[in-house]
Amino acid sequence: MTHVYFHCSNTKKVFVDRRGAVVEDIADARDHANRIVQSLTRESSLEDWRDWILHVSDDQGDELFVVPFTFVLGEPN
């Protein structure tokens, strides 16, 4: 088990995850990251999420991987 953080950013904003989550392994972290993206984009808002990226970091601040929101949402038509 490891503690990871899920920070979101685009070219204008950054949302820092100060709580993080405990995950079993990297696959669990990827699943959690996808759920975060889906949760944020399901909310009714005027935000265009296509240029956002979710950065997943360990408890030492090292980036483990990134998830572009378009990876979860798909490319616009």
PDB file of N, CA and C in Angstrom:
ATOM      1  N   MET A   1       0.842  -1.182   0.000  1.00  0.00           N
ATOM      2  CA  MET A   1       0.000   0.000   0.000  1.00  0.00           C
ATOM      3  C   MET A   1       0.883   1.240   0.000  1.00  0.00           C
ATOM      4  N   THR A   2       0.414   2.242  -0.718  1.00  0.00           N
ATOM      5  CA  THR A   2       1.143   3.498  -0.772  1.00  0.00           C
ATOM      6  C   THR A   2       0.166   4.663  -0.824  1.00  0.00           C
ATOM      7  N   HIS A   3       0.622   5.807  -0.380  1.00  0.00           N
ATOM      8  CA  HIS A   3      -0.202   7.008  -0.375  1.00  0.00           C
ATOM      9  C   HIS A   3       0.141   7.819  -1.628  1.00  0.00           C
ATOM     10  N   VAL A   4      -0.870   8.161  -2.423  1.00  0.00           N
ATOM     11  CA  VAL A   4      -0.647   8.944  -3.643  1.00  0.00           C
ATOM     12  C   VAL A   4      -1.580  10.157  -3.663  1.00  0.00           C
ATOM     13  N   TYR A   5      -1.203  11.126  -4.460  1.00  0.00           N
ATOM     14  CA  TYR A   5      -1.946  12.374  -4.578  1.00  0.00           C
ATOM     15  C   TYR A   5      -2.347  12.592  -6.030  1.00  0.00           C
ATOM     16  N   PHE A   6      -3.502  13.207  -6.214  1.00  0.00           N
ATOM     17  CA  PHE A   6      -4.091  13.382  -7.533  1.00  0.00           C
ATOM     18  C   PHE A   6      -4.316  14.875  -7.793  1.00  0.00           C
ATOM     19  N   HIS A   7      -3.353  15.504  -8.435  1.00  0.00           N
ATOM     20  CA  HIS A   7      -3.418  16.940  -8.722  1.00  0.00           C
ATOM     21  C   HIS A   7      -3.934  17.156 -10.144  1.00  0.00           C
ATOM     22  N   CYS A   8      -4.788  18.156 -10.317  1.00  0.00           N
ATOM     23  CA  CYS A   8      -5.347  18.463 -11.634  1.00  0.00           C
ATOM     24  C   CYS A   8      -4.837  19.822 -12.090  1.00  0.00           C
ATOM     25  N   SER A   9      -4.545  19.927 -13.378  1.00  0.00           N
ATOM     26  CA  SER A   9      -4.096  21.221 -13.899  1.00  0.00           C
ATOM     27  C   SER A   9      -4.454  21.371 -15.368  1.00  0.00           C
ATOM     28  N   ASN A  10      -4.537  22.649 -15.759  1.00  0.00           N
ATOM     29  CA  ASN A  10      -4.558  23.010 -17.169  1.00  0.00           C
ATOM     30  C   ASN A  10      -3.615  24.195 -17.285  1.00  0.00           C
ATOM     31  N   THR A  11      -3.656  24.929 -18.378  1.00  0.00           N
ATOM     32  CA  THR A  11      -2.700  26.032 -18.554  1.00  0.00           C
ATOM     33  C   THR A  11      -3.011  27.237 -17.667  1.00  0.00           C
ATOM     34  N   LYS A  12      -4.211  27.278 -17.066  1.00  0.00           N
ATOM     35  CA  LYS A  12      -4.612  28.434 -16.271  1.00  0.00           C
ATOM     36  C   LYS A  12      -4.818  28.148 -14.784  1.00  0.00           C
ATOM     37  N   LYS A  13      -5.064  26.892 -14.425  1.00  0.00           N
ATOM     38  CA  LYS A  13      -5.417  26.549 -13.049  1.00  0.00           C
ATOM     39  C   LYS A  13      -4.703  25.289 -12.591  1.00  0.00           C
ATOM     40  N   VAL A  14      -4.569  25.189 -11.271  1.00  0.00           N
ATOM     41  CA  VAL A  14      -4.043  23.974 -10.649  1.00  0.00           C
ATOM     42  C   VAL A  14      -4.878  23.688  -9.412  1.00  0.00           C
ATOM     43  N   PHE A  15      -5.343  22.455  -9.287  1.00  0.00           N
ATOM     44  CA  PHE A  15      -6.032  21.996  -8.084  1.00  0.00           C
ATOM     45  C   PHE A  15      -5.112  20.989  -7.403  1.00  0.00           C
ATOM     46  N   VAL A  16      -4.666  21.324  -6.194  1.00  0.00           N
ATOM     47  CA  VAL A  16      -3.742  20.468  -5.452  1.00  0.00           C
ATOM     48  C   VAL A  16      -4.526  19.570  -4.506  1.00  0.00           C
ATOM     49  N   ASP A  17      -4.264  18.295  -4.589  1.00  0.00           N
ATOM     50  CA  ASP A  17      -4.868  17.309  -3.702  1.00  0.00           C
ATOM     51  C   ASP A  17      -4.015  17.228  -2.440  1.00  0.00           C
ATOM     52  N   ARG A  18      -4.542  17.717  -1.336  1.00  0.00           N
ATOM     53  CA  ARG A  18      -3.787  17.716  -0.079  1.00  0.00           C
ATOM     54  C   ARG A  18      -4.051  16.467   0.767  1.00  0.00           C
ATOM     55  N   ARG A  19      -5.132  15.737   0.465  1.00  0.00           N
ATOM     56  CA  ARG A  19      -5.470  14.534   1.242  1.00  0.00           C
ATOM     57  C   ARG A  19      -4.873  13.271   0.656  1.00  0.00           C
ATOM     58  N   GLY A  20      -4.960  13.132  -0.639  1.00  0.00           N
ATOM     59  CA  GLY A  20      -4.469  11.934  -1.289  1.00  0.00           C
ATOM     60  C   GLY A  20      -5.338  10.733  -0.985  1.00  0.00           C
ATOM     61  N   ALA A  21      -4.826   9.572  -1.336  1.00  0.00           N
ATOM     62  CA  ALA A  21      -5.540   8.313  -1.108  1.00  0.00           C
ATOM     63  C   ALA A  21      -4.519   7.189  -0.976  1.00  0.00           C
ATOM     64  N   VAL A  22      -4.896   6.185  -0.215  1.00  0.00           N
ATOM     65  CA  VAL A  22      -4.062   4.994  -0.088  1.00  0.00           C
ATOM     66  C   VAL A  22      -4.511   4.002  -1.154  1.00  0.00           C
ATOM     67  N   VAL A  23      -3.551   3.530  -1.942  1.00  0.00           N
ATOM     68  CA  VAL A  23      -3.857   2.575  -3.008  1.00  0.00           C
ATOM     69  C   VAL A  23      -2.997   1.328  -2.835  1.00  0.00           C
ATOM     70  N   GLU A  24      -3.480   0.229  -3.384  1.00  0.00           N
ATOM     71  CA  GLU A  24      -2.763  -1.048  -3.294  1.00  0.00           C
ATOM     72  C   GLU A  24      -1.518  -1.074  -4.177  1.00  0.00           C
ATOM     73  N   ASP A  25      -1.689  -0.585  -5.435  1.00  0.00           N
ATOM     74  CA  ASP A  25      -0.608  -0.655  -6.406  1.00  0.00           C
ATOM     75  C   ASP A  25      -0.880   0.351  -7.519  1.00  0.00           C
ATOM     76  N   ILE A  26      -0.050   0.345  -8.529  1.00  0.00           N
ATOM     77  CA  ILE A  26      -0.176   1.320  -9.620  1.00  0.00           C
ATOM     78  C   ILE A  26      -1.486   1.137 -10.381  1.00  0.00           C
ATOM     79  N   ALA A  27      -1.955  -0.086 -10.530  1.00  0.00           N
ATOM     80  CA  ALA A  27      -3.233  -0.325 -11.217  1.00  0.00           C
ATOM     81  C   ALA A  27      -4.385   0.280 -10.419  1.00  0.00           C
ATOM     82  N   ASP A  28      -4.336   0.149  -9.114  1.00  0.00           N
ATOM     83  CA  ASP A  28      -5.355   0.749  -8.253  1.00  0.00           C
ATOM     84  C   ASP A  28      -5.312   2.276  -8.360  1.00  0.00           C
ATOM     85  N   ALA A  29      -4.107   2.834  -8.438  1.00  0.00           N
ATOM     86  CA  ALA A  29      -3.956   4.291  -8.593  1.00  0.00           C
ATOM     87  C   ALA A  29      -4.542   4.753  -9.924  1.00  0.00           C
ATOM     88  N   ARG A  30      -4.336   3.989 -10.983  1.00  0.00           N
ATOM     89  CA  ARG A  30      -4.903   4.343 -12.301  1.00  0.00           C
ATOM     90  C   ARG A  30      -6.425   4.281 -12.277  1.00  0.00           C
ATOM     91  N   ASP A  31      -6.968   3.258 -11.635  1.00  0.00           N
ATOM     92  CA  ASP A  31      -8.423   3.163 -11.519  1.00  0.00           C
ATOM     93  C   ASP A  31      -8.984   4.349 -10.745  1.00  0.00           C
ATOM     94  N   HIS A  32      -8.318   4.704  -9.656  1.00  0.00           N
ATOM     95  CA  HIS A  32      -8.764   5.845  -8.846  1.00  0.00           C
ATOM     96  C   HIS A  32      -8.680   7.147  -9.653  1.00  0.00           C
ATOM     97  N   ALA A  33      -7.609   7.300 -10.415  1.00  0.00           N
ATOM     98  CA  ALA A  33      -7.435   8.490 -11.260  1.00  0.00           C
ATOM     99  C   ALA A  33      -8.562   8.592 -12.288  1.00  0.00           C
ATOM    100  N   ASN A  34      -8.903   7.487 -12.918  1.00  0.00           N
ATOM    101  CA  ASN A  34      -9.997   7.499 -13.891  1.00  0.00           C
ATOM    102  C   ASN A  34     -11.322   7.862 -13.236  1.00  0.00           C
ATOM    103  N   ARG A  35     -11.554   7.363 -12.026  1.00  0.00           N
ATOM    104  CA  ARG A  35     -12.793   7.706 -11.313  1.00  0.00           C
ATOM    105  C   ARG A  35     -12.842   9.197 -10.974  1.00  0.00           C
ATOM    106  N   ILE A  36     -11.711   9.773 -10.626  1.00  0.00           N
ATOM    107  CA  ILE A  36     -11.664  11.209 -10.335  1.00  0.00           C
ATOM    108  C   ILE A  36     -12.026  12.008 -11.583  1.00  0.00           C
ATOM    109  N   VAL A  37     -11.416  11.676 -12.704  1.00  0.00           N
ATOM    110  CA  VAL A  37     -11.704  12.382 -13.960  1.00  0.00           C
ATOM    111  C   VAL A  37     -13.184  12.255 -14.302  1.00  0.00           C
ATOM    112  N   GLN A  38     -13.721  11.046 -14.211  1.00  0.00           N
ATOM    113  CA  GLN A  38     -15.140  10.847 -14.519  1.00  0.00           C
ATOM    114  C   GLN A  38     -16.028  11.642 -13.577  1.00  0.00           C
ATOM    115  N   SER A  39     -15.688  11.678 -12.304  1.00  0.00           N
ATOM    116  CA  SER A  39     -16.479  12.414 -11.325  1.00  0.00           C
ATOM    117  C   SER A  39     -16.473  13.917 -11.617  1.00  0.00           C
ATOM    118  N   LEU A  40     -15.304  14.461 -11.900  1.00  0.00           N
ATOM    119  CA  LEU A  40     -15.206  15.899 -12.176  1.00  0.00           C
ATOM    120  C   LEU A  40     -15.963  16.284 -13.442  1.00  0.00           C
ATOM    121  N   THR A  41     -15.871  15.469 -14.464  1.00  0.00           N
ATOM    122  CA  THR A  41     -16.480  15.830 -15.740  1.00  0.00           C
ATOM    123  C   THR A  41     -17.980  15.560 -15.771  1.00  0.00           C
ATOM    124  N   ARG A  42     -18.483  14.763 -14.855  1.00  0.00           N
ATOM    125  CA  ARG A  42     -19.925  14.511 -14.779  1.00  0.00           C
ATOM    126  C   ARG A  42     -20.679  15.670 -14.140  1.00  0.00           C
ATOM    127  N   GLU A  43     -19.987  16.443 -13.311  1.00  0.00           N
ATOM    128  CA  GLU A  43     -20.634  17.569 -12.648  1.00  0.00           C
ATOM    129  C   GLU A  43     -21.072  18.595 -13.685  1.00  0.00           C
ATOM    130  N   SER A  44     -22.219  19.180 -13.429  1.00  0.00           N
ATOM    131  CA  SER A  44     -22.720  20.207 -14.335  1.00  0.00           C
ATOM    132  C   SER A  44     -21.893  21.476 -14.153  1.00  0.00           C
ATOM    133  N   SER A  45     -21.150  21.835 -15.192  1.00  0.00           N
ATOM    134  CA  SER A  45     -20.341  23.048 -15.135  1.00  0.00           C
ATOM    135  C   SER A  45     -20.050  23.520 -16.553  1.00  0.00           C
ATOM    136  N   LEU A  46     -19.572  24.724 -16.646  1.00  0.00           N
ATOM    137  CA  LEU A  46     -19.216  25.278 -17.945  1.00  0.00           C
ATOM    138  C   LEU A  46     -17.762  24.988 -18.303  1.00  0.00           C
ATOM    139  N   GLU A  47     -17.069  24.303 -17.421  1.00  0.00           N
ATOM    140  CA  GLU A  47     -15.650  24.003 -17.626  1.00  0.00           C
ATOM    141  C   GLU A  47     -15.464  23.059 -18.817  1.00  0.00           C
ATOM    142  N   ASP A  48     -14.543  23.426 -19.702  1.00  0.00           N
ATOM    143  CA  ASP A  48     -14.138  22.534 -20.788  1.00  0.00           C
ATOM    144  C   ASP A  48     -12.948  21.736 -20.266  1.00  0.00           C
ATOM    145  N   TRP A  49     -13.169  20.487 -19.964  1.00  0.00           N
ATOM    146  CA  TRP A  49     -12.174  19.656 -19.290  1.00  0.00           C
ATOM    147  C   TRP A  49     -11.135  19.059 -20.236  1.00  0.00           C
ATOM    148  N   ARG A  50     -11.287  19.259 -21.551  1.00  0.00           N
ATOM    149  CA  ARG A  50     -10.420  18.560 -22.497  1.00  0.00           C
ATOM    150  C   ARG A  50      -8.945  18.926 -22.389  1.00  0.00           C
ATOM    151  N   ASP A  51      -8.609  20.118 -21.849  1.00  0.00           N
ATOM    152  CA  ASP A  51      -7.192  20.474 -21.742  1.00  0.00           C
ATOM    153  C   ASP A  51      -6.623  20.221 -20.342  1.00  0.00           C
ATOM    154  N   TRP A  52      -7.381  19.545 -19.494  1.00  0.00           N
ATOM    155  CA  TRP A  52      -6.935  19.236 -18.139  1.00  0.00           C
ATOM    156  C   TRP A  52      -6.125  17.947 -18.114  1.00  0.00           C
ATOM    157  N   ILE A  53      -5.223  17.880 -17.140  1.00  0.00           N
ATOM    158  CA  ILE A  53      -4.400  16.689 -16.920  1.00  0.00           C
ATOM    159  C   ILE A  53      -4.417  16.367 -15.436  1.00  0.00           C
ATOM    160  N   LEU A  54      -4.551  15.097 -15.111  1.00  0.00           N
ATOM    161  CA  LEU A  54      -4.463  14.630 -13.727  1.00  0.00           C
ATOM    162  C   LEU A  54      -3.052  14.094 -13.514  1.00  0.00           C
ATOM    163  N   HIS A  55      -2.351  14.664 -12.525  1.00  0.00           N
ATOM    164  CA  HIS A  55      -0.984  14.261 -12.194  1.00  0.00           C
ATOM    165  C   HIS A  55      -1.038  13.403 -10.934  1.00  0.00           C
ATOM    166  N   VAL A  56      -0.499  12.221 -10.997  1.00  0.00           N
ATOM    167  CA  VAL A  56      -0.497  11.319  -9.849  1.00  0.00           C
ATOM    168  C   VAL A  56       0.925  11.255  -9.298  1.00  0.00           C
ATOM    169  N   SER A  57       1.051  11.618  -8.009  1.00  0.00           N
ATOM    170  CA  SER A  57       2.363  11.685  -7.364  1.00  0.00           C
ATOM    171  C   SER A  57       2.387  10.841  -6.105  1.00  0.00           C
ATOM    172  N   ASP A  58       3.576  10.384  -5.744  1.00  0.00           N
ATOM    173  CA  ASP A  58       3.708   9.636  -4.499  1.00  0.00           C
ATOM    174  C   ASP A  58       3.891  10.600  -3.331  1.00  0.00           C
ATOM    175  N   ASP A  59       4.053  10.043  -2.137  1.00  0.00           N
ATOM    176  CA  ASP A  59       4.135  10.887  -0.940  1.00  0.00           C
ATOM    177  C   ASP A  59       5.444  11.665  -0.830  1.00  0.00           C
ATOM    178  N   GLN A  60       6.384  11.420  -1.732  1.00  0.00           N
ATOM    179  CA  GLN A  60       7.619  12.196  -1.775  1.00  0.00           C
ATOM    180  C   GLN A  60       7.576  13.266  -2.858  1.00  0.00           C
ATOM    181  N   GLY A  61       6.438  13.362  -3.556  1.00  0.00           N
ATOM    182  CA  GLY A  61       6.276  14.374  -4.590  1.00  0.00           C
ATOM    183  C   GLY A  61       6.725  13.945  -5.973  1.00  0.00           C
ATOM    184  N   ASP A  62       7.167  12.710  -6.116  1.00  0.00           N
ATOM    185  CA  ASP A  62       7.589  12.216  -7.425  1.00  0.00           C
ATOM    186  C   ASP A  62       6.368  11.841  -8.254  1.00  0.00           C
ATOM    187  N   GLU A  63       6.317  12.346  -9.486  1.00  0.00           N
ATOM    188  CA  GLU A  63       5.189  12.043 -10.359  1.00  0.00           C
ATOM    189  C   GLU A  63       5.289  10.601 -10.847  1.00  0.00           C
ATOM    190  N   LEU A  64       4.204   9.862 -10.651  1.00  0.00           N
ATOM    191  CA  LEU A  64       4.154   8.460 -11.067  1.00  0.00           C
ATOM    192  C   LEU A  64       3.658   8.324 -12.495  1.00  0.00           C
ATOM    193  N   PHE A  65       2.601   9.084 -12.827  1.00  0.00           N
ATOM    194  CA  PHE A  65       2.057   9.086 -14.182  1.00  0.00           C
ATOM    195  C   PHE A  65       1.065  10.233 -14.299  1.00  0.00           C
ATOM    196  N   VAL A  66       0.655  10.509 -15.525  1.00  0.00           N
ATOM    197  CA  VAL A  66      -0.359  11.530 -15.781  1.00  0.00           C
ATOM    198  C   VAL A  66      -1.497  10.893 -16.557  1.00  0.00           C
ATOM    199  N   VAL A  67      -2.687  11.477 -16.384  1.00  0.00           N
ATOM    200  CA  VAL A  67      -3.859  11.030 -17.129  1.00  0.00           C
ATOM    201  C   VAL A  67      -4.484  12.261 -17.782  1.00  0.00           C
ATOM    202  N   PRO A  68      -4.255  12.463 -19.083  1.00  0.00           N
ATOM    203  CA  PRO A  68      -4.969  13.548 -19.759  1.00  0.00           C
ATOM    204  C   PRO A  68      -6.472  13.257 -19.710  1.00  0.00           C
ATOM    205  N   PHE A  69      -7.266  14.262 -19.402  1.00  0.00           N
ATOM    206  CA  PHE A  69      -8.714  14.049 -19.313  1.00  0.00           C
ATOM    207  C   PHE A  69      -9.262  13.504 -20.620  1.00  0.00           C
ATOM    208  N   THR A  70      -8.655  13.873 -21.761  1.00  0.00           N
ATOM    209  CA  THR A  70      -9.137  13.367 -23.047  1.00  0.00           C
ATOM    210  C   THR A  70      -8.963  11.855 -23.147  1.00  0.00           C
ATOM    211  N   PHE A  71      -8.033  11.290 -22.378  1.00  0.00           N
ATOM    212  CA  PHE A  71      -7.845   9.844 -22.369  1.00  0.00           C
ATOM    213  C   PHE A  71      -9.088   9.148 -21.837  1.00  0.00           C
ATOM    214  N   VAL A  72      -9.740   9.767 -20.849  1.00  0.00           N
ATOM    215  CA  VAL A  72     -10.946   9.208 -20.252  1.00  0.00           C
ATOM    216  C   VAL A  72     -12.188   9.656 -21.021  1.00  0.00           C
ATOM    217  N   LEU A  73     -12.210  10.935 -21.436  1.00  0.00           N
ATOM    218  CA  LEU A  73     -13.372  11.498 -22.112  1.00  0.00           C
ATOM    219  C   LEU A  73     -13.458  11.137 -23.583  1.00  0.00           C
ATOM    220  N   GLY A  74     -12.330  10.883 -24.194  1.00  0.00           N
ATOM    221  CA  GLY A  74     -12.286  10.687 -25.639  1.00  0.00           C
ATOM    222  C   GLY A  74     -12.063  12.025 -26.317  1.00  0.00           C
ATOM    223  N   GLU A  75     -11.648  11.986 -27.511  1.00  0.00           N
ATOM    224  CA  GLU A  75     -11.399  13.204 -28.291  1.00  0.00           C
ATOM    225  C   GLU A  75     -12.740  13.807 -28.702  1.00  0.00           C
ATOM    226  N   PRO A  76     -12.802  15.154 -28.802  1.00  0.00           N
ATOM    227  CA  PRO A  76     -14.051  15.781 -29.245  1.00  0.00           C
ATOM    228  C   PRO A  76     -14.344  15.415 -30.698  1.00  0.00           C
ATOM    229  N   ASN A  77     -15.605  15.376 -31.033  1.00  0.00           N
ATOM    230  CA  ASN A  77     -16.006  15.030 -32.412  1.00  0.00           C
ATOM    231  C   ASN A  77     -15.848  16.186 -33.344  1.00  0.00           C
TER     232      ASN A  77
END
